[in-house]
Amino acid sequence: LIEAYENRCVTPEILAATQGTICPW
């Protein structure tokens, strides 16, 4: 996600795949 942000290529799929387990998003 950080790399996508820095390269301005964040997608909904990248966002959806990024989360923790205790308190997702």
mmCIF file of all heavy atoms, coordinates in Angstrom:
data_MODEL
# 
_entry.id   MODEL 
# 
loop_
_atom_site.group_PDB 
_atom_site.id 
_atom_site.type_symbol 
_atom_site.label_atom_id 
_atom_site.label_alt_id 
_atom_site.label_comp_id 
_atom_site.label_asym_id 
_atom_site.label_entity_id 
_atom_site.label_seq_id 
_atom_site.pdbx_PDB_ins_code 
_atom_site.Cartn_x 
_atom_site.Cartn_y 
_atom_site.Cartn_z 
_atom_site.occupancy 
_atom_site.B_iso_or_equiv 
_atom_site.pdbx_formal_charge 
_atom_site.auth_seq_id 
_atom_site.auth_comp_id 
_atom_site.auth_asym_id 
_atom_site.auth_atom_id 
_atom_site.pdbx_PDB_model_num 
ATOM 1   N N   . LEU A 1 1  ? 0.821   -1.203  0.000  1.00 0.00 ? 1  LEU A N   1 
ATOM 2   C CA  . LEU A 1 1  ? 0.000   0.000   0.000  1.00 0.00 ? 1  LEU A CA  1 
ATOM 3   C C   . LEU A 1 1  ? 0.864   1.266   0.000  1.00 0.00 ? 1  LEU A C   1 
ATOM 4   O O   . LEU A 1 1  ? 0.585   2.217   -0.746 1.00 0.00 ? 1  LEU A O   1 
ATOM 5   C CB  . LEU A 1 1  ? -0.930  0.010   1.216  1.00 0.00 ? 1  LEU A CB  1 
ATOM 6   C CG  . LEU A 1 1  ? -1.767  1.277   1.407  1.00 0.00 ? 1  LEU A CG  1 
ATOM 7   C CD1 . LEU A 1 1  ? -2.685  1.510   0.214  1.00 0.00 ? 1  LEU A CD1 1 
ATOM 8   C CD2 . LEU A 1 1  ? -2.569  1.195   2.700  1.00 0.00 ? 1  LEU A CD2 1 
ATOM 9   N N   . ILE A 1 2  ? 1.910   1.282   0.814  1.00 0.00 ? 2  ILE A N   1 
ATOM 10  C CA  . ILE A 1 2  ? 2.779   2.458   0.883  1.00 0.00 ? 2  ILE A CA  1 
ATOM 11  C C   . ILE A 1 2  ? 3.430   2.721   -0.466 1.00 0.00 ? 2  ILE A C   1 
ATOM 12  O O   . ILE A 1 2  ? 3.500   3.866   -0.938 1.00 0.00 ? 2  ILE A O   1 
ATOM 13  C CB  . ILE A 1 2  ? 3.854   2.284   1.973  1.00 0.00 ? 2  ILE A CB  1 
ATOM 14  C CG1 . ILE A 1 2  ? 3.213   2.101   3.346  1.00 0.00 ? 2  ILE A CG1 1 
ATOM 15  C CG2 . ILE A 1 2  ? 4.806   3.463   1.969  1.00 0.00 ? 2  ILE A CG2 1 
ATOM 16  C CD1 . ILE A 1 2  ? 2.360   3.218   3.822  1.00 0.00 ? 2  ILE A CD1 1 
ATOM 17  N N   . GLU A 1 3  ? 3.897   1.662   -1.104 1.00 0.00 ? 3  GLU A N   1 
ATOM 18  C CA  . GLU A 1 3  ? 4.523   1.824   -2.425 1.00 0.00 ? 3  GLU A CA  1 
ATOM 19  C C   . GLU A 1 3  ? 3.507   2.330   -3.445 1.00 0.00 ? 3  GLU A C   1 
ATOM 20  O O   . GLU A 1 3  ? 3.823   3.198   -4.275 1.00 0.00 ? 3  GLU A O   1 
ATOM 21  C CB  . GLU A 1 3  ? 5.126   0.494   -2.885 1.00 0.00 ? 3  GLU A CB  1 
ATOM 22  C CG  . GLU A 1 3  ? 6.369   0.080   -2.105 1.00 0.00 ? 3  GLU A CG  1 
ATOM 23  C CD  . GLU A 1 3  ? 6.901   -1.276  -2.536 1.00 0.00 ? 3  GLU A CD  1 
ATOM 24  O OE1 . GLU A 1 3  ? 6.183   -1.983  -3.306 1.00 0.00 ? 3  GLU A OE1 1 
ATOM 25  O OE2 . GLU A 1 3  ? 8.018   -1.638  -2.108 1.00 0.00 ? 3  GLU A OE2 1 
ATOM 26  N N   . ALA A 1 4  ? 2.295   1.801   -3.388 1.00 0.00 ? 4  ALA A N   1 
ATOM 27  C CA  . ALA A 1 4  ? 1.256   2.254   -4.315 1.00 0.00 ? 4  ALA A CA  1 
ATOM 28  C C   . ALA A 1 4  ? 0.901   3.714   -4.067 1.00 0.00 ? 4  ALA A C   1 
ATOM 29  O O   . ALA A 1 4  ? 0.681   4.484   -5.009 1.00 0.00 ? 4  ALA A O   1 
ATOM 30  C CB  . ALA A 1 4  ? 0.025   1.367   -4.182 1.00 0.00 ? 4  ALA A CB  1 
ATOM 31  N N   . TYR A 1 5  ? 0.857   4.106   -2.799 1.00 0.00 ? 5  TYR A N   1 
ATOM 32  C CA  . TYR A 1 5  ? 0.573   5.507   -2.459 1.00 0.00 ? 5  TYR A CA  1 
ATOM 33  C C   . TYR A 1 5  ? 1.661   6.421   -3.014 1.00 0.00 ? 5  TYR A C   1 
ATOM 34  O O   . TYR A 1 5  ? 1.370   7.445   -3.639 1.00 0.00 ? 5  TYR A O   1 
ATOM 35  C CB  . TYR A 1 5  ? 0.477   5.655   -0.943 1.00 0.00 ? 5  TYR A CB  1 
ATOM 36  C CG  . TYR A 1 5  ? 0.379   7.088   -0.472 1.00 0.00 ? 5  TYR A CG  1 
ATOM 37  C CD1 . TYR A 1 5  ? -0.848  7.748   -0.434 1.00 0.00 ? 5  TYR A CD1 1 
ATOM 38  C CD2 . TYR A 1 5  ? 1.511   7.784   -0.051 1.00 0.00 ? 5  TYR A CD2 1 
ATOM 39  C CE1 . TYR A 1 5  ? -0.947  9.062   0.007  1.00 0.00 ? 5  TYR A CE1 1 
ATOM 40  C CE2 . TYR A 1 5  ? 1.432   9.092   0.389  1.00 0.00 ? 5  TYR A CE2 1 
ATOM 41  C CZ  . TYR A 1 5  ? 0.203   9.738   0.413  1.00 0.00 ? 5  TYR A CZ  1 
ATOM 42  O OH  . TYR A 1 5  ? 0.133   11.045  0.841  1.00 0.00 ? 5  TYR A OH  1 
ATOM 43  N N   . GLU A 1 6  ? 2.908   6.042   -2.781 1.00 0.00 ? 6  GLU A N   1 
ATOM 44  C CA  . GLU A 1 6  ? 4.024   6.874   -3.249 1.00 0.00 ? 6  GLU A CA  1 
ATOM 45  C C   . GLU A 1 6  ? 4.057   6.973   -4.763 1.00 0.00 ? 6  GLU A C   1 
ATOM 46  O O   . GLU A 1 6  ? 4.468   7.997   -5.318 1.00 0.00 ? 6  GLU A O   1 
ATOM 47  C CB  . GLU A 1 6  ? 5.341   6.305   -2.713 1.00 0.00 ? 6  GLU A CB  1 
ATOM 48  C CG  . GLU A 1 6  ? 5.469   6.454   -1.193 1.00 0.00 ? 6  GLU A CG  1 
ATOM 49  C CD  . GLU A 1 6  ? 6.672   5.750   -0.630 1.00 0.00 ? 6  GLU A CD  1 
ATOM 50  O OE1 . GLU A 1 6  ? 7.259   4.894   -1.345 1.00 0.00 ? 6  GLU A OE1 1 
ATOM 51  O OE2 . GLU A 1 6  ? 7.042   6.035   0.538  1.00 0.00 ? 6  GLU A OE2 1 
ATOM 52  N N   . ASN A 1 7  ? 3.607   5.933   -5.453 1.00 0.00 ? 7  ASN A N   1 
ATOM 53  C CA  . ASN A 1 7  ? 3.587   5.927   -6.922 1.00 0.00 ? 7  ASN A CA  1 
ATOM 54  C C   . ASN A 1 7  ? 2.236   6.358   -7.490 1.00 0.00 ? 7  ASN A C   1 
ATOM 55  O O   . ASN A 1 7  ? 2.015   6.286   -8.702 1.00 0.00 ? 7  ASN A O   1 
ATOM 56  C CB  . ASN A 1 7  ? 3.946   4.532   -7.446 1.00 0.00 ? 7  ASN A CB  1 
ATOM 57  C CG  . ASN A 1 7  ? 5.385   4.154   -7.159 1.00 0.00 ? 7  ASN A CG  1 
ATOM 58  O OD1 . ASN A 1 7  ? 6.293   4.958   -7.379 1.00 0.00 ? 7  ASN A OD1 1 
ATOM 59  N ND2 . ASN A 1 7  ? 5.604   2.957   -6.647 1.00 0.00 ? 7  ASN A ND2 1 
ATOM 60  N N   . ARG A 1 8  ? 1.327   6.758   -6.590 1.00 0.00 ? 8  ARG A N   1 
ATOM 61  C CA  . ARG A 1 8  ? -0.007  7.229   -6.978 1.00 0.00 ? 8  ARG A CA  1 
ATOM 62  C C   . ARG A 1 8  ? -0.768  6.206   -7.826 1.00 0.00 ? 8  ARG A C   1 
ATOM 63  O O   . ARG A 1 8  ? -1.374  6.531   -8.843 1.00 0.00 ? 8  ARG A O   1 
ATOM 64  C CB  . ARG A 1 8  ? 0.082   8.577   -7.710 1.00 0.00 ? 8  ARG A CB  1 
ATOM 65  C CG  . ARG A 1 8  ? 0.635   9.700   -6.835 1.00 0.00 ? 8  ARG A CG  1 
ATOM 66  C CD  . ARG A 1 8  ? 0.746   11.004  -7.590 1.00 0.00 ? 8  ARG A CD  1 
ATOM 67  N NE  . ARG A 1 8  ? 1.359   12.038  -6.767 1.00 0.00 ? 8  ARG A NE  1 
ATOM 68  C CZ  . ARG A 1 8  ? 0.699   13.057  -6.199 1.00 0.00 ? 8  ARG A CZ  1 
ATOM 69  N NH1 . ARG A 1 8  ? -0.607  13.156  -6.369 1.00 0.00 ? 8  ARG A NH1 1 
ATOM 70  N NH2 . ARG A 1 8  ? 1.341   13.967  -5.479 1.00 0.00 ? 8  ARG A NH2 1 
ATOM 71  N N   . CYS A 1 9  ? -0.701  4.966   -7.373 1.00 0.00 ? 9  CYS A N   1 
ATOM 72  C CA  . CYS A 1 9  ? -1.415  3.910   -8.105 1.00 0.00 ? 9  CYS A CA  1 
ATOM 73  C C   . CYS A 1 9  ? -2.187  3.004   -7.145 1.00 0.00 ? 9  CYS A C   1 
ATOM 74  O O   . CYS A 1 9  ? -2.274  1.786   -7.354 1.00 0.00 ? 9  CYS A O   1 
ATOM 75  C CB  . CYS A 1 9  ? -0.445  3.101   -8.969 1.00 0.00 ? 9  CYS A CB  1 
ATOM 76  S SG  . CYS A 1 9  ? 0.877   2.279   -8.076 1.00 0.00 ? 9  CYS A SG  1 
ATOM 77  N N   . VAL A 1 10 ? -2.744  3.595   -6.089 1.00 0.00 ? 10 VAL A N   1 
ATOM 78  C CA  . VAL A 1 10 ? -3.577  2.829   -5.158 1.00 0.00 ? 10 VAL A CA  1 
ATOM 79  C C   . VAL A 1 10 ? -4.872  2.439   -5.856 1.00 0.00 ? 10 VAL A C   1 
ATOM 80  O O   . VAL A 1 10 ? -5.505  3.252   -6.528 1.00 0.00 ? 10 VAL A O   1 
ATOM 81  C CB  . VAL A 1 10 ? -3.888  3.651   -3.891 1.00 0.00 ? 10 VAL A CB  1 
ATOM 82  C CG1 . VAL A 1 10 ? -4.844  2.893   -2.984 1.00 0.00 ? 10 VAL A CG1 1 
ATOM 83  C CG2 . VAL A 1 10 ? -2.602  4.001   -3.148 1.00 0.00 ? 10 VAL A CG2 1 
ATOM 84  N N   . THR A 1 11 ? -5.260  1.181   -5.702 1.00 0.00 ? 11 THR A N   1 
ATOM 85  C CA  . THR A 1 11 ? -6.514  0.695   -6.294 1.00 0.00 ? 11 THR A CA  1 
ATOM 86  C C   . THR A 1 11 ? -7.439  0.216   -5.169 1.00 0.00 ? 11 THR A C   1 
ATOM 87  O O   . THR A 1 11 ? -6.983  -0.076  -4.057 1.00 0.00 ? 11 THR A O   1 
ATOM 88  C CB  . THR A 1 11 ? -6.259  -0.476  -7.243 1.00 0.00 ? 11 THR A CB  1 
ATOM 89  O OG1 . THR A 1 11 ? -5.716  -1.583  -6.474 1.00 0.00 ? 11 THR A OG1 1 
ATOM 90  C CG2 . THR A 1 11 ? -5.271  -0.092  -8.343 1.00 0.00 ? 11 THR A CG2 1 
ATOM 91  N N   . PRO A 1 12 ? -8.740  0.114   -5.445 1.00 0.00 ? 12 PRO A N   1 
ATOM 92  C CA  . PRO A 1 12 ? -9.648  -0.458  -4.442 1.00 0.00 ? 12 PRO A CA  1 
ATOM 93  C C   . PRO A 1 12 ? -9.222  -1.857  -4.012 1.00 0.00 ? 12 PRO A C   1 
ATOM 94  O O   . PRO A 1 12 ? -9.418  -2.237  -2.861 1.00 0.00 ? 12 PRO A O   1 
ATOM 95  C CB  . PRO A 1 12 ? -10.990 -0.485  -5.177 1.00 0.00 ? 12 PRO A CB  1 
ATOM 96  C CG  . PRO A 1 12 ? -10.915 0.654   -6.142 1.00 0.00 ? 12 PRO A CG  1 
ATOM 97  C CD  . PRO A 1 12 ? -9.484  0.658   -6.604 1.00 0.00 ? 12 PRO A CD  1 
ATOM 98  N N   . GLU A 1 13 ? -8.626  -2.614  -4.922 1.00 0.00 ? 13 GLU A N   1 
ATOM 99  C CA  . GLU A 1 13 ? -8.185  -3.971  -4.593 1.00 0.00 ? 13 GLU A CA  1 
ATOM 100 C C   . GLU A 1 13 ? -7.036  -3.944  -3.578 1.00 0.00 ? 13 GLU A C   1 
ATOM 101 O O   . GLU A 1 13 ? -6.990  -4.765  -2.650 1.00 0.00 ? 13 GLU A O   1 
ATOM 102 C CB  . GLU A 1 13 ? -7.742  -4.706  -5.855 1.00 0.00 ? 13 GLU A CB  1 
ATOM 103 C CG  . GLU A 1 13 ? -8.862  -5.048  -6.821 1.00 0.00 ? 13 GLU A CG  1 
ATOM 104 C CD  . GLU A 1 13 ? -9.387  -3.835  -7.600 1.00 0.00 ? 13 GLU A CD  1 
ATOM 105 O OE1 . GLU A 1 13 ? -8.631  -2.844  -7.743 1.00 0.00 ? 13 GLU A OE1 1 
ATOM 106 O OE2 . GLU A 1 13 ? -10.554 -3.879  -8.042 1.00 0.00 ? 13 GLU A OE2 1 
ATOM 107 N N   . ILE A 1 14 ? -6.108  -2.995  -3.750 1.00 0.00 ? 14 ILE A N   1 
ATOM 108 C CA  . ILE A 1 14 ? -4.999  -2.866  -2.802 1.00 0.00 ? 14 ILE A CA  1 
ATOM 109 C C   . ILE A 1 14 ? -5.533  -2.445  -1.434 1.00 0.00 ? 14 ILE A C   1 
ATOM 110 O O   . ILE A 1 14 ? -5.117  -2.963  -0.396 1.00 0.00 ? 14 ILE A O   1 
ATOM 111 C CB  . ILE A 1 14 ? -3.950  -1.873  -3.326 1.00 0.00 ? 14 ILE A CB  1 
ATOM 112 C CG1 . ILE A 1 14 ? -3.233  -2.448  -4.549 1.00 0.00 ? 14 ILE A CG1 1 
ATOM 113 C CG2 . ILE A 1 14 ? -2.934  -1.512  -2.234 1.00 0.00 ? 14 ILE A CG2 1 
ATOM 114 C CD1 . ILE A 1 14 ? -2.253  -1.494  -5.217 1.00 0.00 ? 14 ILE A CD1 1 
ATOM 115 N N   . LEU A 1 15 ? -6.478  -1.503  -1.426 1.00 0.00 ? 15 LEU A N   1 
ATOM 116 C CA  . LEU A 1 15 ? -7.079  -1.082  -0.162 1.00 0.00 ? 15 LEU A CA  1 
ATOM 117 C C   . LEU A 1 15 ? -7.781  -2.249  0.522  1.00 0.00 ? 15 LEU A C   1 
ATOM 118 O O   . LEU A 1 15 ? -7.626  -2.471  1.732  1.00 0.00 ? 15 LEU A O   1 
ATOM 119 C CB  . LEU A 1 15 ? -8.078  0.045   -0.406 1.00 0.00 ? 15 LEU A CB  1 
ATOM 120 C CG  . LEU A 1 15 ? -7.532  1.406   -0.825 1.00 0.00 ? 15 LEU A CG  1 
ATOM 121 C CD1 . LEU A 1 15 ? -8.679  2.371   -1.083 1.00 0.00 ? 15 LEU A CD1 1 
ATOM 122 C CD2 . LEU A 1 15 ? -6.603  1.966   0.251  1.00 0.00 ? 15 LEU A CD2 1 
ATOM 123 N N   . ALA A 1 16 ? -8.567  -2.993  -0.244 1.00 0.00 ? 16 ALA A N   1 
ATOM 124 C CA  . ALA A 1 16 ? -9.350  -4.091  0.325  1.00 0.00 ? 16 ALA A CA  1 
ATOM 125 C C   . ALA A 1 16 ? -8.464  -5.169  0.930  1.00 0.00 ? 16 ALA A C   1 
ATOM 126 O O   . ALA A 1 16 ? -8.869  -5.850  1.882  1.00 0.00 ? 16 ALA A O   1 
ATOM 127 C CB  . ALA A 1 16 ? -10.260 -4.689  -0.744 1.00 0.00 ? 16 ALA A CB  1 
ATOM 128 N N   . ALA A 1 17 ? -7.255  -5.325  0.386  1.00 0.00 ? 17 ALA A N   1 
ATOM 129 C CA  . ALA A 1 17 ? -6.355  -6.376  0.851  1.00 0.00 ? 17 ALA A CA  1 
ATOM 130 C C   . ALA A 1 17 ? -5.536  -5.955  2.064  1.00 0.00 ? 17 ALA A C   1 
ATOM 131 O O   . ALA A 1 17 ? -4.821  -6.777  2.646  1.00 0.00 ? 17 ALA A O   1 
ATOM 132 C CB  . ALA A 1 17 ? -5.408  -6.790  -0.274 1.00 0.00 ? 17 ALA A CB  1 
ATOM 133 N N   . THR A 1 18 ? -5.635  -4.682  2.456  1.00 0.00 ? 18 THR A N   1 
ATOM 134 C CA  . THR A 1 18 ? -4.803  -4.160  3.535  1.00 0.00 ? 18 THR A CA  1 
ATOM 135 C C   . THR A 1 18 ? -5.636  -3.951  4.788  1.00 0.00 ? 18 THR A C   1 
ATOM 136 O O   . THR A 1 18 ? -6.492  -3.066  4.840  1.00 0.00 ? 18 THR A O   1 
ATOM 137 C CB  . THR A 1 18 ? -4.171  -2.805  3.123  1.00 0.00 ? 18 THR A CB  1 
ATOM 138 O OG1 . THR A 1 18 ? -3.583  -2.924  1.835  1.00 0.00 ? 18 THR A OG1 1 
ATOM 139 C CG2 . THR A 1 18 ? -3.106  -2.383  4.127  1.00 0.00 ? 18 THR A CG2 1 
ATOM 140 N N   . GLN A 1 19 ? -5.397  -4.774  5.806  1.00 0.00 ? 19 GLN A N   1 
ATOM 141 C CA  . GLN A 1 19 ? -6.106  -4.607  7.070  1.00 0.00 ? 19 GLN A CA  1 
ATOM 142 C C   . GLN A 1 19 ? -5.479  -5.489  8.131  1.00 0.00 ? 19 GLN A C   1 
ATOM 143 O O   . GLN A 1 19 ? -4.776  -6.450  7.830  1.00 0.00 ? 19 GLN A O   1 
ATOM 144 C CB  . GLN A 1 19 ? -7.592  -4.962  6.938  1.00 0.00 ? 19 GLN A CB  1 
ATOM 145 C CG  . GLN A 1 19 ? -7.856  -6.440  6.672  1.00 0.00 ? 19 GLN A CG  1 
ATOM 146 C CD  . GLN A 1 19 ? -9.342  -6.754  6.627  1.00 0.00 ? 19 GLN A CD  1 
ATOM 147 O OE1 . GLN A 1 19 ? -10.079 -6.153  5.865  1.00 0.00 ? 19 GLN A OE1 1 
ATOM 148 N NE2 . GLN A 1 19 ? -9.776  -7.706  7.453  1.00 0.00 ? 19 GLN A NE2 1 
ATOM 149 N N   . GLY A 1 20 ? -5.720  -5.135  9.389  1.00 0.00 ? 20 GLY A N   1 
ATOM 150 C CA  . GLY A 1 20 ? -5.263  -5.947  10.499 1.00 0.00 ? 20 GLY A CA  1 
ATOM 151 C C   . GLY A 1 20 ? -6.354  -6.901  10.947 1.00 0.00 ? 20 GLY A C   1 
ATOM 152 O O   . GLY A 1 20 ? -7.344  -7.122  10.236 1.00 0.00 ? 20 GLY A O   1 
ATOM 153 N N   . THR A 1 21 ? -6.197  -7.430  12.149 1.00 0.00 ? 21 THR A N   1 
ATOM 154 C CA  . THR A 1 21 ? -7.137  -8.427  12.659 1.00 0.00 ? 21 THR A CA  1 
ATOM 155 C C   . THR A 1 21 ? -7.920  -7.948  13.878 1.00 0.00 ? 21 THR A C   1 
ATOM 156 O O   . THR A 1 21 ? -9.025  -8.426  14.135 1.00 0.00 ? 21 THR A O   1 
ATOM 157 C CB  . THR A 1 21 ? -6.389  -9.718  13.033 1.00 0.00 ? 21 THR A CB  1 
ATOM 158 O OG1 . THR A 1 21 ? -5.385  -9.411  14.015 1.00 0.00 ? 21 THR A OG1 1 
ATOM 159 C CG2 . THR A 1 21 ? -5.709  -10.332 11.821 1.00 0.00 ? 21 THR A CG2 1 
ATOM 160 N N   . ILE A 1 22 ? -7.366  -7.010  14.637 1.00 0.00 ? 22 ILE A N   1 
ATOM 161 C CA  . ILE A 1 22 ? -8.011  -6.557  15.872 1.00 0.00 ? 22 ILE A CA  1 
ATOM 162 C C   . ILE A 1 22 ? -9.162  -5.603  15.571 1.00 0.00 ? 22 ILE A C   1 
ATOM 163 O O   . ILE A 1 22 ? -10.261 -5.737  16.114 1.00 0.00 ? 22 ILE A O   1 
ATOM 164 C CB  . ILE A 1 22 ? -6.992  -5.863  16.798 1.00 0.00 ? 22 ILE A CB  1 
ATOM 165 C CG1 . ILE A 1 22 ? -5.924  -6.854  17.252 1.00 0.00 ? 22 ILE A CG1 1 
ATOM 166 C CG2 . ILE A 1 22 ? -7.690  -5.222  18.002 1.00 0.00 ? 22 ILE A CG2 1 
ATOM 167 C CD1 . ILE A 1 22 ? -4.775  -6.218  18.006 1.00 0.00 ? 22 ILE A CD1 1 
ATOM 168 N N   . CYS A 1 23 ? -8.887  -4.661  14.687 1.00 0.00 ? 23 CYS A N   1 
ATOM 169 C CA  . CYS A 1 23 ? -9.859  -3.614  14.391 1.00 0.00 ? 23 CYS A CA  1 
ATOM 170 C C   . CYS A 1 23 ? -9.697  -3.234  12.919 1.00 0.00 ? 23 CYS A C   1 
ATOM 171 O O   . CYS A 1 23 ? -9.132  -2.191  12.585 1.00 0.00 ? 23 CYS A O   1 
ATOM 172 C CB  . CYS A 1 23 ? -9.601  -2.401  15.292 1.00 0.00 ? 23 CYS A CB  1 
ATOM 173 S SG  . CYS A 1 23 ? -10.836 -1.097  15.223 1.00 0.00 ? 23 CYS A SG  1 
ATOM 174 N N   . PRO A 1 24 ? -10.167 -4.099  11.998 1.00 0.00 ? 24 PRO A N   1 
ATOM 175 C CA  . PRO A 1 24 ? -9.874  -3.908  10.578 1.00 0.00 ? 24 PRO A CA  1 
ATOM 176 C C   . PRO A 1 24 ? -10.381 -2.582  10.014 1.00 0.00 ? 24 PRO A C   1 
ATOM 177 O O   . PRO A 1 24 ? -11.546 -2.249  10.160 1.00 0.00 ? 24 PRO A O   1 
ATOM 178 C CB  . PRO A 1 24 ? -10.554 -5.109  9.909  1.00 0.00 ? 24 PRO A CB  1 
ATOM 179 C CG  . PRO A 1 24 ? -11.497 -5.661  10.913 1.00 0.00 ? 24 PRO A CG  1 
ATOM 180 C CD  . PRO A 1 24 ? -10.966 -5.305  12.255 1.00 0.00 ? 24 PRO A CD  1 
ATOM 181 N N   . TRP A 1 25 ? -9.459  -1.864  9.402  1.00 0.00 ? 25 TRP A N   1 
ATOM 182 C CA  . TRP A 1 25 ? -9.661  -0.487  8.925  1.00 0.00 ? 25 TRP A CA  1 
ATOM 183 C C   . TRP A 1 25 ? -10.009 0.395   10.135 1.00 0.00 ? 25 TRP A C   1 
ATOM 184 O O   . TRP A 1 25 ? -11.065 1.013   10.208 1.00 0.00 ? 25 TRP A O   1 
ATOM 185 C CB  . TRP A 1 25 ? -10.708 -0.414  7.831  1.00 0.00 ? 25 TRP A CB  1 
ATOM 186 C CG  . TRP A 1 25 ? -10.205 -0.833  6.483  1.00 0.00 ? 25 TRP A CG  1 
ATOM 187 C CD1 . TRP A 1 25 ? -9.084  -1.572  6.224  1.00 0.00 ? 25 TRP A CD1 1 
ATOM 188 C CD2 . TRP A 1 25 ? -10.790 -0.559  5.209  1.00 0.00 ? 25 TRP A CD2 1 
ATOM 189 N NE1 . TRP A 1 25 ? -8.937  -1.780  4.876  1.00 0.00 ? 25 TRP A NE1 1 
ATOM 190 C CE2 . TRP A 1 25 ? -9.972  -1.172  4.231  1.00 0.00 ? 25 TRP A CE2 1 
ATOM 191 C CE3 . TRP A 1 25 ? -11.929 0.127   4.796  1.00 0.00 ? 25 TRP A CE3 1 
ATOM 192 C CZ2 . TRP A 1 25 ? -10.248 -1.098  2.852  1.00 0.00 ? 25 TRP A CZ2 1 
ATOM 193 C CZ3 . TRP A 1 25 ? -12.210 0.195   3.446  1.00 0.00 ? 25 TRP A CZ3 1 
ATOM 194 C CH2 . TRP A 1 25 ? -11.381 -0.405  2.485  1.00 0.00 ? 25 TRP A CH2 1 
# 
